[in-house]
Amino acid sequence: MLRSLSIFCALALTTQAAHAAPVRCLAGQYNGGATEVAAELILASDGRFRYGLSYGAIDERAQGRWESDGTQVLLDSDPVNPPRFSLVGESQVAADEFRLKLDLPDGLSPQFFNALLVLSDGSTLGSPLGYQTWAVPLKPGQTVVSVKFQLPALDLESERFALTAGTASEARFSFAPNDLGQIAFAHEPLTVDGRELLLIRHDREVRFRPERGGC
């Protein structure tokens, strides 16, 4: 019985190894381009990687270290300084409205941002900004108690900013891009599928095909 079990385990390991790509030959330059998608992945022989993806409003990149067990490739990015939203200040305005301002650096459009407000009665109100100032009509007794921002194209969401209790006001925020577009991969897996590497990103399958090197 023990001998049969040992033989079975040995066969299972042999079968798994047969389907695993030799780790060293995975190094190379890969193209993941498809209709409306531009994507590139470089796995250097020294264990470093570079990645880029452009798809619609998404434009992201990463660099760091990679490793593989032959069945998948794992990506770990170098440290990233993430984008940051900050509350600059609050002031009183007309009692029947709330004004939200978001200061952005040149070249960055407010149309990419969403804002979510929580009101004093527990209701919520969300909208794409469109403009850097958003004026929200309020009912008598209503106030805005917190604000949150989103940048959907990069799956970015801010903390929830609590506002000073009181009457309707104007809240001004700023946005610092920092390493905007740099992705902080943490053991991000790519499946080794024959000579291709398969990545699931933004609910889309990206197949990287070797252009130079690769198994």
N, C-alpha and C. Protein backbone atom coordinates (compact mmCIF):
# COMPACT_ATOMS: atom_id res chain seq x y z
N MET A 1 0.83 -1.21 0.00
CA MET A 1 0.00 0.00 0.00
C MET A 1 0.87 1.26 0.00
N LEU A 2 1.88 1.29 0.90
CA LEU A 2 2.78 2.44 0.97
C LEU A 2 3.55 2.60 -0.32
N ARG A 3 3.96 1.45 -0.92
CA ARG A 3 4.70 1.51 -2.18
C ARG A 3 3.82 2.10 -3.29
N SER A 4 2.54 1.71 -3.33
CA SER A 4 1.62 2.23 -4.35
C SER A 4 1.42 3.73 -4.18
N LEU A 5 1.30 4.17 -2.91
CA LEU A 5 1.11 5.59 -2.64
C LEU A 5 2.34 6.38 -3.06
N SER A 6 3.53 5.84 -2.81
CA SER A 6 4.77 6.52 -3.20
C SER A 6 4.87 6.66 -4.71
N ILE A 7 4.48 5.60 -5.42
CA ILE A 7 4.52 5.64 -6.88
C ILE A 7 3.54 6.68 -7.41
N PHE A 8 2.33 6.75 -6.79
CA PHE A 8 1.32 7.73 -7.21
C PHE A 8 1.82 9.15 -7.01
N CYS A 9 2.41 9.43 -5.85
CA CYS A 9 2.92 10.77 -5.56
C CYS A 9 4.03 11.15 -6.53
N ALA A 10 4.90 10.19 -6.83
CA ALA A 10 6.00 10.46 -7.76
C ALA A 10 5.47 10.80 -9.14
N LEU A 11 4.44 10.06 -9.58
CA LEU A 11 3.84 10.33 -10.89
C LEU A 11 3.17 11.70 -10.92
N ALA A 12 2.50 12.07 -9.81
CA ALA A 12 1.83 13.37 -9.75
C ALA A 12 2.83 14.51 -9.84
N LEU A 13 3.95 14.38 -9.11
CA LEU A 13 4.97 15.41 -9.15
C LEU A 13 5.62 15.50 -10.52
N THR A 14 5.82 14.34 -11.16
CA THR A 14 6.42 14.33 -12.50
C THR A 14 5.50 15.01 -13.50
N THR A 15 4.19 14.74 -13.40
CA THR A 15 3.22 15.37 -14.30
C THR A 15 3.18 16.87 -14.11
N GLN A 16 3.21 17.33 -12.84
CA GLN A 16 3.20 18.76 -12.57
C GLN A 16 4.45 19.42 -13.13
N ALA A 17 5.60 18.78 -12.95
CA ALA A 17 6.85 19.34 -13.44
C ALA A 17 6.86 19.42 -14.96
N ALA A 18 6.20 18.45 -15.61
CA ALA A 18 6.18 18.44 -17.07
C ALA A 18 5.42 19.62 -17.63
N HIS A 19 4.44 20.14 -16.85
CA HIS A 19 3.64 21.27 -17.31
C HIS A 19 4.21 22.60 -16.85
N ALA A 20 5.26 22.58 -16.05
CA ALA A 20 5.87 23.82 -15.55
C ALA A 20 6.97 24.26 -16.49
N ALA A 21 7.00 25.57 -16.78
CA ALA A 21 8.03 26.11 -17.65
C ALA A 21 9.33 26.26 -16.87
N PRO A 22 10.49 25.97 -17.50
CA PRO A 22 11.76 26.24 -16.84
C PRO A 22 11.85 27.72 -16.48
N VAL A 23 12.13 28.01 -15.22
CA VAL A 23 12.07 29.39 -14.74
C VAL A 23 13.00 30.31 -15.52
N ARG A 24 14.23 29.86 -15.78
CA ARG A 24 15.21 30.73 -16.42
C ARG A 24 14.80 31.17 -17.81
N CYS A 25 14.06 30.32 -18.54
CA CYS A 25 13.72 30.68 -19.91
C CYS A 25 12.54 31.64 -19.99
N LEU A 26 11.88 31.95 -18.87
CA LEU A 26 10.76 32.89 -18.88
C LEU A 26 11.21 34.33 -19.11
N ALA A 27 12.47 34.62 -18.81
CA ALA A 27 12.97 35.98 -19.02
C ALA A 27 12.84 36.37 -20.49
N GLY A 28 12.35 37.59 -20.73
CA GLY A 28 12.19 38.05 -22.10
C GLY A 28 11.27 39.24 -22.17
N GLN A 29 10.96 39.65 -23.40
CA GLN A 29 10.06 40.78 -23.66
C GLN A 29 8.76 40.24 -24.22
N TYR A 30 7.64 40.65 -23.60
CA TYR A 30 6.32 40.14 -23.96
C TYR A 30 5.40 41.28 -24.42
N ASN A 31 4.57 40.97 -25.40
CA ASN A 31 3.60 41.94 -25.93
C ASN A 31 2.20 41.44 -25.61
N GLY A 32 1.41 42.27 -24.91
CA GLY A 32 0.04 41.90 -24.58
C GLY A 32 -0.98 42.70 -25.35
N GLY A 33 -0.56 43.31 -26.45
CA GLY A 33 -1.45 44.16 -27.23
C GLY A 33 -2.62 43.40 -27.83
N ALA A 34 -3.77 44.07 -27.89
CA ALA A 34 -4.98 43.53 -28.51
C ALA A 34 -5.80 44.72 -28.99
N THR A 35 -7.01 44.47 -29.48
CA THR A 35 -7.85 45.57 -29.94
C THR A 35 -8.06 46.59 -28.83
N GLU A 36 -7.68 47.83 -29.08
CA GLU A 36 -7.82 48.95 -28.15
C GLU A 36 -6.98 48.79 -26.88
N VAL A 37 -6.03 47.86 -26.89
CA VAL A 37 -5.18 47.63 -25.72
C VAL A 37 -3.72 47.64 -26.14
N ALA A 38 -2.90 48.38 -25.40
CA ALA A 38 -1.44 48.33 -25.57
C ALA A 38 -0.86 47.85 -24.24
N ALA A 39 -0.07 46.79 -24.29
CA ALA A 39 0.49 46.23 -23.06
C ALA A 39 1.85 45.62 -23.33
N GLU A 40 2.76 45.80 -22.39
CA GLU A 40 4.10 45.24 -22.53
C GLU A 40 4.59 44.78 -21.17
N LEU A 41 5.32 43.68 -21.18
CA LEU A 41 5.92 43.14 -19.96
C LEU A 41 7.34 42.69 -20.29
N ILE A 42 8.29 43.17 -19.50
CA ILE A 42 9.69 42.76 -19.66
C ILE A 42 10.13 42.06 -18.38
N LEU A 43 10.52 40.80 -18.50
CA LEU A 43 11.07 40.04 -17.39
C LEU A 43 12.57 39.91 -17.63
N ALA A 44 13.36 40.64 -16.86
CA ALA A 44 14.81 40.61 -17.05
C ALA A 44 15.40 39.40 -16.35
N SER A 45 16.53 38.95 -16.85
CA SER A 45 17.18 37.76 -16.29
C SER A 45 17.73 38.00 -14.89
N ASP A 46 17.85 39.28 -14.48
CA ASP A 46 18.35 39.58 -13.13
C ASP A 46 17.23 39.64 -12.10
N GLY A 47 15.99 39.26 -12.51
CA GLY A 47 14.87 39.22 -11.59
C GLY A 47 14.06 40.50 -11.52
N ARG A 48 14.39 41.49 -12.36
CA ARG A 48 13.62 42.73 -12.41
C ARG A 48 12.55 42.64 -13.50
N PHE A 49 11.47 43.43 -13.34
CA PHE A 49 10.44 43.48 -14.38
C PHE A 49 10.02 44.92 -14.63
N ARG A 50 9.47 45.14 -15.82
CA ARG A 50 8.81 46.40 -16.18
C ARG A 50 7.50 46.06 -16.86
N TYR A 51 6.45 46.80 -16.51
CA TYR A 51 5.09 46.50 -17.00
C TYR A 51 4.41 47.80 -17.40
N GLY A 52 3.61 47.74 -18.47
CA GLY A 52 2.81 48.89 -18.87
C GLY A 52 1.53 48.43 -19.53
N LEU A 53 0.43 49.16 -19.25
CA LEU A 53 -0.87 48.84 -19.83
C LEU A 53 -1.62 50.13 -20.13
N SER A 54 -2.13 50.25 -21.35
CA SER A 54 -2.94 51.39 -21.74
C SER A 54 -4.22 50.86 -22.36
N TYR A 55 -5.36 51.24 -21.76
CA TYR A 55 -6.65 50.70 -22.20
C TYR A 55 -7.74 51.71 -21.85
N GLY A 56 -8.31 52.38 -22.85
CA GLY A 56 -9.31 53.40 -22.59
C GLY A 56 -8.71 54.52 -21.76
N ALA A 57 -9.35 54.83 -20.63
CA ALA A 57 -8.84 55.87 -19.74
C ALA A 57 -7.74 55.35 -18.81
N ILE A 58 -7.48 54.04 -18.85
CA ILE A 58 -6.48 53.43 -17.97
C ILE A 58 -5.10 53.56 -18.60
N ASP A 59 -4.16 54.06 -17.84
CA ASP A 59 -2.77 54.15 -18.28
C ASP A 59 -1.90 53.88 -17.05
N GLU A 60 -1.40 52.65 -16.93
CA GLU A 60 -0.69 52.27 -15.71
C GLU A 60 0.63 51.59 -16.04
N ARG A 61 1.52 51.59 -15.05
CA ARG A 61 2.84 51.00 -15.23
C ARG A 61 3.35 50.53 -13.88
N ALA A 62 4.36 49.69 -13.92
CA ALA A 62 4.96 49.18 -12.68
C ALA A 62 6.35 48.66 -12.99
N GLN A 63 7.16 48.62 -11.95
CA GLN A 63 8.48 48.00 -12.05
C GLN A 63 8.85 47.44 -10.69
N GLY A 64 9.67 46.43 -10.69
CA GLY A 64 10.05 45.80 -9.43
C GLY A 64 10.73 44.47 -9.69
N ARG A 65 10.39 43.46 -8.88
CA ARG A 65 11.03 42.16 -8.98
C ARG A 65 9.99 41.09 -9.33
N TRP A 66 10.46 40.06 -10.03
CA TRP A 66 9.59 38.94 -10.38
C TRP A 66 10.24 37.63 -9.95
N GLU A 67 9.38 36.64 -9.74
CA GLU A 67 9.84 35.29 -9.44
C GLU A 67 8.83 34.32 -10.03
N SER A 68 9.22 33.07 -10.13
CA SER A 68 8.33 32.07 -10.73
C SER A 68 8.66 30.68 -10.22
N ASP A 69 7.62 29.85 -10.13
CA ASP A 69 7.81 28.44 -9.82
C ASP A 69 7.63 27.59 -11.08
N GLY A 70 7.53 28.26 -12.23
CA GLY A 70 7.35 27.56 -13.49
C GLY A 70 5.91 27.44 -13.93
N THR A 71 4.96 27.57 -12.99
CA THR A 71 3.54 27.51 -13.35
C THR A 71 2.89 28.89 -13.34
N GLN A 72 3.50 29.82 -12.60
CA GLN A 72 3.02 31.19 -12.60
C GLN A 72 4.19 32.14 -12.31
N VAL A 73 3.99 33.39 -12.72
CA VAL A 73 4.96 34.45 -12.45
C VAL A 73 4.34 35.39 -11.43
N LEU A 74 5.10 35.78 -10.42
CA LEU A 74 4.62 36.69 -9.39
C LEU A 74 5.38 38.01 -9.49
N LEU A 75 4.62 39.12 -9.50
CA LEU A 75 5.21 40.46 -9.61
C LEU A 75 5.08 41.19 -8.28
N ASP A 76 6.18 41.79 -7.84
CA ASP A 76 6.19 42.63 -6.64
C ASP A 76 6.82 43.97 -7.00
N SER A 77 6.03 45.04 -6.89
CA SER A 77 6.50 46.36 -7.29
C SER A 77 7.48 46.96 -6.29
N ASP A 78 8.31 47.86 -6.81
CA ASP A 78 9.11 48.71 -5.93
C ASP A 78 8.16 49.58 -5.12
N PRO A 79 8.62 50.14 -3.98
CA PRO A 79 7.75 51.02 -3.18
C PRO A 79 7.16 52.16 -4.02
N VAL A 80 5.88 52.42 -3.80
CA VAL A 80 5.15 53.44 -4.55
C VAL A 80 4.62 54.50 -3.59
N ASN A 81 4.77 55.77 -3.97
CA ASN A 81 4.19 56.88 -3.21
C ASN A 81 2.81 57.16 -3.80
N PRO A 82 1.73 56.70 -3.16
CA PRO A 82 0.40 56.77 -3.78
C PRO A 82 -0.12 58.20 -3.87
N PRO A 83 -1.06 58.44 -4.80
CA PRO A 83 -1.72 59.74 -4.86
C PRO A 83 -2.42 60.04 -3.54
N ARG A 84 -2.61 61.34 -3.26
CA ARG A 84 -3.19 61.71 -1.96
C ARG A 84 -4.16 62.88 -2.10
N PHE A 85 -5.34 62.70 -1.49
CA PHE A 85 -6.31 63.78 -1.35
C PHE A 85 -6.13 64.43 0.03
N SER A 86 -6.28 65.74 0.10
CA SER A 86 -6.14 66.45 1.37
C SER A 86 -7.25 67.49 1.51
N LEU A 87 -7.75 67.64 2.73
CA LEU A 87 -8.72 68.69 3.03
C LEU A 87 -7.95 69.97 3.31
N VAL A 88 -8.16 70.99 2.47
CA VAL A 88 -7.44 72.26 2.61
C VAL A 88 -8.12 73.16 3.62
N GLY A 89 -9.46 73.23 3.57
CA GLY A 89 -10.17 74.09 4.51
C GLY A 89 -11.67 74.09 4.28
N GLU A 90 -12.40 74.67 5.24
CA GLU A 90 -13.85 74.80 5.17
C GLU A 90 -14.23 76.26 5.45
N SER A 91 -15.31 76.70 4.83
CA SER A 91 -15.81 78.05 5.07
C SER A 91 -17.32 78.06 4.90
N GLN A 92 -17.96 79.08 5.45
CA GLN A 92 -19.41 79.20 5.38
C GLN A 92 -19.84 79.88 4.08
N VAL A 93 -20.91 79.37 3.48
CA VAL A 93 -21.49 79.99 2.28
C VAL A 93 -22.99 80.09 2.49
N ALA A 94 -23.73 80.28 1.41
CA ALA A 94 -25.19 80.38 1.51
C ALA A 94 -25.77 79.15 2.21
N ALA A 95 -26.81 79.37 3.01
CA ALA A 95 -27.35 78.30 3.85
C ALA A 95 -28.10 77.23 3.07
N ASP A 96 -28.34 77.47 1.79
CA ASP A 96 -29.15 76.51 1.03
C ASP A 96 -28.32 75.67 0.05
N GLU A 97 -26.99 75.69 0.20
CA GLU A 97 -26.18 74.88 -0.70
C GLU A 97 -24.85 74.51 -0.05
N PHE A 98 -24.23 73.49 -0.65
CA PHE A 98 -22.89 73.06 -0.25
C PHE A 98 -22.01 73.11 -1.48
N ARG A 99 -20.82 73.66 -1.33
CA ARG A 99 -19.90 73.75 -2.46
C ARG A 99 -18.66 72.91 -2.19
N LEU A 100 -18.33 72.10 -3.17
CA LEU A 100 -17.16 71.23 -3.08
C LEU A 100 -16.15 71.66 -4.14
N LYS A 101 -14.93 71.96 -3.71
CA LYS A 101 -13.88 72.36 -4.63
C LYS A 101 -12.72 71.37 -4.55
N LEU A 102 -12.19 71.01 -5.71
CA LEU A 102 -11.04 70.11 -5.77
C LEU A 102 -9.96 70.76 -6.62
N ASP A 103 -8.85 71.12 -6.00
CA ASP A 103 -7.72 71.72 -6.72
C ASP A 103 -6.90 70.61 -7.36
N LEU A 104 -6.69 70.74 -8.67
CA LEU A 104 -5.95 69.73 -9.42
C LEU A 104 -4.75 70.35 -10.11
N PRO A 105 -3.69 69.58 -10.30
CA PRO A 105 -2.53 70.10 -11.04
C PRO A 105 -2.88 70.29 -12.51
N ASP A 106 -2.13 71.13 -13.19
CA ASP A 106 -2.35 71.38 -14.62
C ASP A 106 -2.30 70.08 -15.40
N GLY A 107 -3.22 69.95 -16.35
CA GLY A 107 -3.23 68.78 -17.22
C GLY A 107 -4.08 67.64 -16.73
N LEU A 108 -4.62 67.75 -15.51
CA LEU A 108 -5.46 66.68 -14.96
C LEU A 108 -6.90 67.19 -14.88
N SER A 109 -7.80 66.54 -15.63
CA SER A 109 -9.18 67.01 -15.74
C SER A 109 -10.04 66.50 -14.60
N PRO A 110 -10.94 67.34 -14.07
CA PRO A 110 -11.85 66.89 -13.01
C PRO A 110 -12.85 65.84 -13.48
N GLN A 111 -13.03 65.70 -14.79
CA GLN A 111 -14.01 64.74 -15.30
C GLN A 111 -13.66 63.29 -14.97
N PHE A 112 -12.41 63.03 -14.59
CA PHE A 112 -12.01 61.67 -14.23
C PHE A 112 -12.37 61.32 -12.78
N PHE A 113 -12.81 62.31 -12.01
CA PHE A 113 -13.04 62.12 -10.58
C PHE A 113 -14.53 62.06 -10.25
N ASN A 114 -14.87 61.23 -9.26
CA ASN A 114 -16.21 61.19 -8.68
C ASN A 114 -16.12 61.68 -7.24
N ALA A 115 -17.24 62.23 -6.75
CA ALA A 115 -17.33 62.61 -5.34
C ALA A 115 -18.58 61.98 -4.74
N LEU A 116 -18.46 61.53 -3.50
CA LEU A 116 -19.58 60.93 -2.78
C LEU A 116 -19.78 61.69 -1.48
N LEU A 117 -20.98 62.25 -1.31
CA LEU A 117 -21.31 63.01 -0.10
C LEU A 117 -22.25 62.20 0.77
N VAL A 118 -22.04 62.28 2.08
CA VAL A 118 -22.99 61.72 3.05
C VAL A 118 -23.65 62.89 3.76
N LEU A 119 -24.99 62.92 3.75
CA LEU A 119 -25.75 64.03 4.33
C LEU A 119 -26.16 63.71 5.76
N SER A 120 -26.58 64.75 6.47
CA SER A 120 -26.92 64.61 7.89
C SER A 120 -28.13 63.71 8.13
N ASP A 121 -28.97 63.52 7.11
CA ASP A 121 -30.13 62.64 7.27
C ASP A 121 -29.81 61.20 6.90
N GLY A 122 -28.52 60.91 6.61
CA GLY A 122 -28.10 59.55 6.28
C GLY A 122 -28.11 59.23 4.80
N SER A 123 -28.66 60.10 3.99
CA SER A 123 -28.70 59.86 2.55
C SER A 123 -27.33 60.16 1.94
N THR A 124 -27.12 59.64 0.74
CA THR A 124 -25.85 59.86 0.04
C THR A 124 -26.12 60.48 -1.32
N LEU A 125 -25.13 61.18 -1.82
CA LEU A 125 -25.25 61.83 -3.12
C LEU A 125 -23.89 61.73 -3.81
N GLY A 126 -23.88 61.13 -4.99
CA GLY A 126 -22.63 60.97 -5.72
C GLY A 126 -22.75 61.49 -7.13
N SER A 127 -21.62 61.95 -7.67
CA SER A 127 -21.63 62.48 -9.02
C SER A 127 -20.22 62.60 -9.56
N PRO A 128 -20.04 62.40 -10.89
CA PRO A 128 -18.77 62.81 -11.50
C PRO A 128 -18.63 64.32 -11.32
N LEU A 129 -17.41 64.79 -11.10
CA LEU A 129 -17.25 66.22 -10.82
C LEU A 129 -17.52 67.08 -12.04
N GLY A 130 -16.90 66.76 -13.17
CA GLY A 130 -17.14 67.57 -14.36
C GLY A 130 -16.43 68.91 -14.29
N TYR A 131 -16.64 69.62 -13.19
CA TYR A 131 -15.96 70.90 -12.96
C TYR A 131 -15.25 70.82 -11.61
N GLN A 132 -14.32 71.74 -11.39
CA GLN A 132 -13.56 71.70 -10.15
C GLN A 132 -14.37 72.19 -8.95
N THR A 133 -15.51 72.84 -9.21
CA THR A 133 -16.42 73.24 -8.14
C THR A 133 -17.78 72.60 -8.38
N TRP A 134 -18.30 71.94 -7.37
CA TRP A 134 -19.61 71.28 -7.46
C TRP A 134 -20.52 71.93 -6.42
N ALA A 135 -21.61 72.57 -6.88
CA ALA A 135 -22.58 73.21 -6.00
C ALA A 135 -23.77 72.27 -5.82
N VAL A 136 -24.08 71.94 -4.57
CA VAL A 136 -25.14 70.98 -4.26
C VAL A 136 -26.26 71.68 -3.49
N PRO A 137 -27.47 71.76 -4.04
CA PRO A 137 -28.60 72.36 -3.30
C PRO A 137 -28.94 71.49 -2.09
N LEU A 138 -29.30 72.15 -0.98
CA LEU A 138 -29.65 71.43 0.25
C LEU A 138 -31.04 71.84 0.72
N LYS A 139 -31.73 70.89 1.34
CA LYS A 139 -33.03 71.18 1.94
C LYS A 139 -32.81 71.85 3.30
N PRO A 140 -33.82 72.52 3.82
CA PRO A 140 -33.68 73.14 5.15
C PRO A 140 -33.26 72.12 6.20
N GLY A 141 -32.23 72.43 6.95
CA GLY A 141 -31.75 71.55 8.01
C GLY A 141 -30.74 70.52 7.55
N GLN A 142 -30.58 70.36 6.25
CA GLN A 142 -29.63 69.39 5.71
C GLN A 142 -28.21 69.95 5.74
N THR A 143 -27.26 69.10 6.07
CA THR A 143 -25.84 69.46 5.98
C THR A 143 -25.08 68.27 5.41
N VAL A 144 -23.88 68.53 4.94
CA VAL A 144 -22.99 67.48 4.45
C VAL A 144 -22.03 67.13 5.58
N VAL A 145 -21.97 65.84 5.93
CA VAL A 145 -21.15 65.44 7.07
C VAL A 145 -19.82 64.81 6.65
N SER A 146 -19.75 64.27 5.42
CA SER A 146 -18.47 63.69 4.99
C SER A 146 -18.38 63.66 3.47
N VAL A 147 -17.14 63.56 2.99
CA VAL A 147 -16.85 63.56 1.56
C VAL A 147 -15.84 62.46 1.26
N LYS A 148 -16.03 61.79 0.13
CA LYS A 148 -15.06 60.80 -0.35
C LYS A 148 -14.89 61.01 -1.85
N PHE A 149 -13.66 60.79 -2.33
CA PHE A 149 -13.36 60.94 -3.75
C PHE A 149 -12.99 59.59 -4.36
N GLN A 150 -13.24 59.48 -5.66
CA GLN A 150 -12.87 58.28 -6.41
C GLN A 150 -12.23 58.68 -7.73
N LEU A 151 -11.28 57.87 -8.15
CA LEU A 151 -10.68 57.99 -9.49
C LEU A 151 -10.85 56.62 -10.14
N PRO A 152 -12.03 56.35 -10.74
CA PRO A 152 -12.38 55.00 -11.20
C PRO A 152 -11.40 54.39 -12.17
N ALA A 153 -10.81 55.19 -13.04
CA ALA A 153 -9.91 54.63 -14.06
C ALA A 153 -8.72 53.91 -13.45
N LEU A 154 -8.35 54.29 -12.22
CA LEU A 154 -7.20 53.66 -11.56
C LEU A 154 -7.60 52.94 -10.28
N ASP A 155 -8.91 52.67 -10.12
CA ASP A 155 -9.41 51.98 -8.92
C ASP A 155 -8.93 52.66 -7.64
N LEU A 156 -8.91 53.99 -7.66
CA LEU A 156 -8.41 54.76 -6.53
C LEU A 156 -9.57 55.36 -5.76
N GLU A 157 -9.54 55.21 -4.44
CA GLU A 157 -10.58 55.77 -3.58
C GLU A 157 -9.93 56.42 -2.37
N SER A 158 -10.38 57.61 -2.03
CA SER A 158 -9.80 58.32 -0.89
C SER A 158 -10.39 57.82 0.42
N GLU A 159 -9.81 58.27 1.51
CA GLU A 159 -10.43 58.08 2.81
C GLU A 159 -11.71 58.91 2.86
N ARG A 160 -12.54 58.66 3.87
CA ARG A 160 -13.74 59.47 4.06
C ARG A 160 -13.38 60.66 4.95
N PHE A 161 -13.57 61.87 4.43
CA PHE A 161 -13.23 63.08 5.17
C PHE A 161 -14.46 63.58 5.94
N ALA A 162 -14.38 63.60 7.26
CA ALA A 162 -15.47 64.13 8.08
C ALA A 162 -15.37 65.65 8.10
N LEU A 163 -16.52 66.31 7.90
CA LEU A 163 -16.56 67.77 7.89
C LEU A 163 -17.05 68.30 9.23
N THR A 164 -16.73 69.55 9.50
CA THR A 164 -17.14 70.18 10.75
C THR A 164 -18.65 70.29 10.82
N ALA A 165 -19.22 69.85 11.93
CA ALA A 165 -20.68 69.92 12.08
C ALA A 165 -21.14 71.38 12.06
N GLY A 166 -22.29 71.62 11.44
CA GLY A 166 -22.82 72.99 11.39
C GLY A 166 -23.68 73.19 10.17
N THR A 167 -23.81 74.41 9.76
CA THR A 167 -24.65 74.73 8.61
C THR A 167 -23.90 74.40 7.32
N ALA A 168 -24.60 74.62 6.19
CA ALA A 168 -23.99 74.34 4.90
C ALA A 168 -22.69 75.13 4.75
N SER A 169 -21.73 74.55 4.07
CA SER A 169 -20.42 75.19 3.97
C SER A 169 -19.78 74.90 2.62
N GLU A 170 -18.59 75.42 2.48
CA GLU A 170 -17.77 75.13 1.31
C GLU A 170 -16.53 74.37 1.80
N ALA A 171 -16.26 73.25 1.17
CA ALA A 171 -15.08 72.46 1.52
C ALA A 171 -14.14 72.42 0.33
N ARG A 172 -12.88 72.71 0.60
CA ARG A 172 -11.89 72.74 -0.47
C ARG A 172 -10.85 71.66 -0.24
N PHE A 173 -10.58 70.89 -1.30
CA PHE A 173 -9.64 69.79 -1.23
C PHE A 173 -8.56 69.97 -2.30
N SER A 174 -7.46 69.27 -2.11
CA SER A 174 -6.41 69.25 -3.12
C SER A 174 -6.05 67.80 -3.43
N PHE A 175 -5.49 67.60 -4.61
CA PHE A 175 -5.07 66.26 -5.03
C PHE A 175 -3.62 66.32 -5.48
N ALA A 176 -2.79 65.48 -4.85
CA ALA A 176 -1.37 65.37 -5.22
C ALA A 176 -1.17 64.05 -5.97
N PRO A 177 -0.80 64.09 -7.25
CA PRO A 177 -0.68 62.86 -8.03
C PRO A 177 0.41 61.91 -7.52
N ASN A 178 1.51 62.47 -7.00
CA ASN A 178 2.65 61.64 -6.57
C ASN A 178 2.99 60.62 -7.65
N ASP A 179 2.93 59.33 -7.34
CA ASP A 179 3.25 58.29 -8.34
C ASP A 179 1.98 57.80 -9.03
N LEU A 180 1.15 58.74 -9.46
CA LEU A 180 -0.10 58.39 -10.14
C LEU A 180 0.19 57.51 -11.36
N GLY A 181 -0.51 56.39 -11.46
CA GLY A 181 -0.32 55.47 -12.57
C GLY A 181 0.67 54.36 -12.27
N GLN A 182 1.45 54.52 -11.19
CA GLN A 182 2.37 53.45 -10.77
C GLN A 182 1.59 52.46 -9.90
N ILE A 183 1.58 51.21 -10.30
CA ILE A 183 0.79 50.19 -9.62
C ILE A 183 1.65 49.46 -8.59
N ALA A 184 1.09 49.31 -7.40
CA ALA A 184 1.80 48.61 -6.31
C ALA A 184 1.41 47.13 -6.33
N PHE A 185 2.02 46.37 -7.24
CA PHE A 185 1.76 44.93 -7.28
C PHE A 185 2.33 44.27 -6.03
N ALA A 186 1.58 43.36 -5.45
CA ALA A 186 2.05 42.58 -4.31
C ALA A 186 1.75 41.11 -4.60
N HIS A 187 2.76 40.40 -5.10
CA HIS A 187 2.60 39.00 -5.51
C HIS A 187 1.48 38.86 -6.53
N GLU A 188 1.43 39.78 -7.50
CA GLU A 188 0.42 39.72 -8.56
C GLU A 188 0.73 38.53 -9.47
N PRO A 189 -0.23 37.58 -9.63
CA PRO A 189 0.08 36.37 -10.39
C PRO A 189 -0.23 36.48 -11.88
N LEU A 190 0.65 35.92 -12.69
CA LEU A 190 0.41 35.68 -14.11
C LEU A 190 0.55 34.18 -14.32
N THR A 191 -0.43 33.58 -14.96
CA THR A 191 -0.40 32.15 -15.21
C THR A 191 0.44 31.84 -16.44
N VAL A 192 1.33 30.85 -16.33
CA VAL A 192 2.11 30.40 -17.47
C VAL A 192 1.23 29.46 -18.29
N ASP A 193 0.89 29.87 -19.50
CA ASP A 193 0.02 29.10 -20.38
C ASP A 193 0.76 28.83 -21.69
N GLY A 194 1.47 27.71 -21.73
CA GLY A 194 2.32 27.44 -22.88
C GLY A 194 3.46 28.45 -22.92
N ARG A 195 3.58 29.18 -24.03
CA ARG A 195 4.60 30.22 -24.14
C ARG A 195 4.07 31.59 -23.73
N GLU A 196 2.80 31.66 -23.37
CA GLU A 196 2.17 32.93 -23.03
C GLU A 196 2.02 33.08 -21.51
N LEU A 197 1.91 34.34 -21.08
CA LEU A 197 1.65 34.66 -19.68
C LEU A 197 0.31 35.36 -19.60
N LEU A 198 -0.57 34.85 -18.75
CA LEU A 198 -1.94 35.34 -18.66
C LEU A 198 -2.12 36.18 -17.40
N LEU A 199 -2.56 37.43 -17.58
CA LEU A 199 -2.83 38.35 -16.47
C LEU A 199 -4.29 38.78 -16.51
N ILE A 200 -4.97 38.74 -15.36
CA ILE A 200 -6.33 39.27 -15.26
C ILE A 200 -6.22 40.65 -14.63
N ARG A 201 -6.63 41.67 -15.40
CA ARG A 201 -6.48 43.05 -14.95
C ARG A 201 -7.71 43.84 -15.35
N HIS A 202 -8.33 44.53 -14.39
CA HIS A 202 -9.53 45.33 -14.64
C HIS A 202 -10.62 44.48 -15.31
N ASP A 203 -10.79 43.26 -14.79
CA ASP A 203 -11.79 42.32 -15.30
C ASP A 203 -11.57 41.96 -16.76
N ARG A 204 -10.34 42.09 -17.21
CA ARG A 204 -10.01 41.76 -18.60
C ARG A 204 -8.82 40.82 -18.62
N GLU A 205 -8.84 39.88 -19.57
CA GLU A 205 -7.73 38.94 -19.74
C GLU A 205 -6.69 39.55 -20.67
N VAL A 206 -5.47 39.66 -20.17
CA VAL A 206 -4.36 40.17 -20.99
C VAL A 206 -3.38 39.03 -21.21
N ARG A 207 -3.16 38.67 -22.47
CA ARG A 207 -2.24 37.58 -22.81
C ARG A 207 -0.94 38.17 -23.34
N PHE A 208 0.13 37.93 -22.62
CA PHE A 208 1.44 38.42 -23.03
C PHE A 208 2.14 37.33 -23.85
N ARG A 209 2.48 37.68 -25.09
CA ARG A 209 3.14 36.76 -26.01
C ARG A 209 4.62 37.14 -26.12
N PRO A 210 5.52 36.17 -26.10
CA PRO A 210 6.95 36.50 -26.16
C PRO A 210 7.34 37.07 -27.52
N GLU A 211 8.06 38.20 -27.49
CA GLU A 211 8.62 38.78 -28.70
C GLU A 211 10.12 38.51 -28.78
N ARG A 212 10.75 38.54 -27.62
CA ARG A 212 12.16 38.18 -27.52
C ARG A 212 12.35 37.36 -26.25
N GLY A 213 13.05 36.25 -26.36
CA GLY A 213 13.23 35.39 -25.20
C GLY A 213 11.95 34.62 -24.93
N GLY A 214 11.73 34.27 -23.67
CA GLY A 214 10.56 33.46 -23.32
C GLY A 214 10.80 32.00 -23.63
N CYS A 215 9.97 31.15 -23.05
CA CYS A 215 10.15 29.70 -23.22
C CYS A 215 9.61 29.24 -24.58
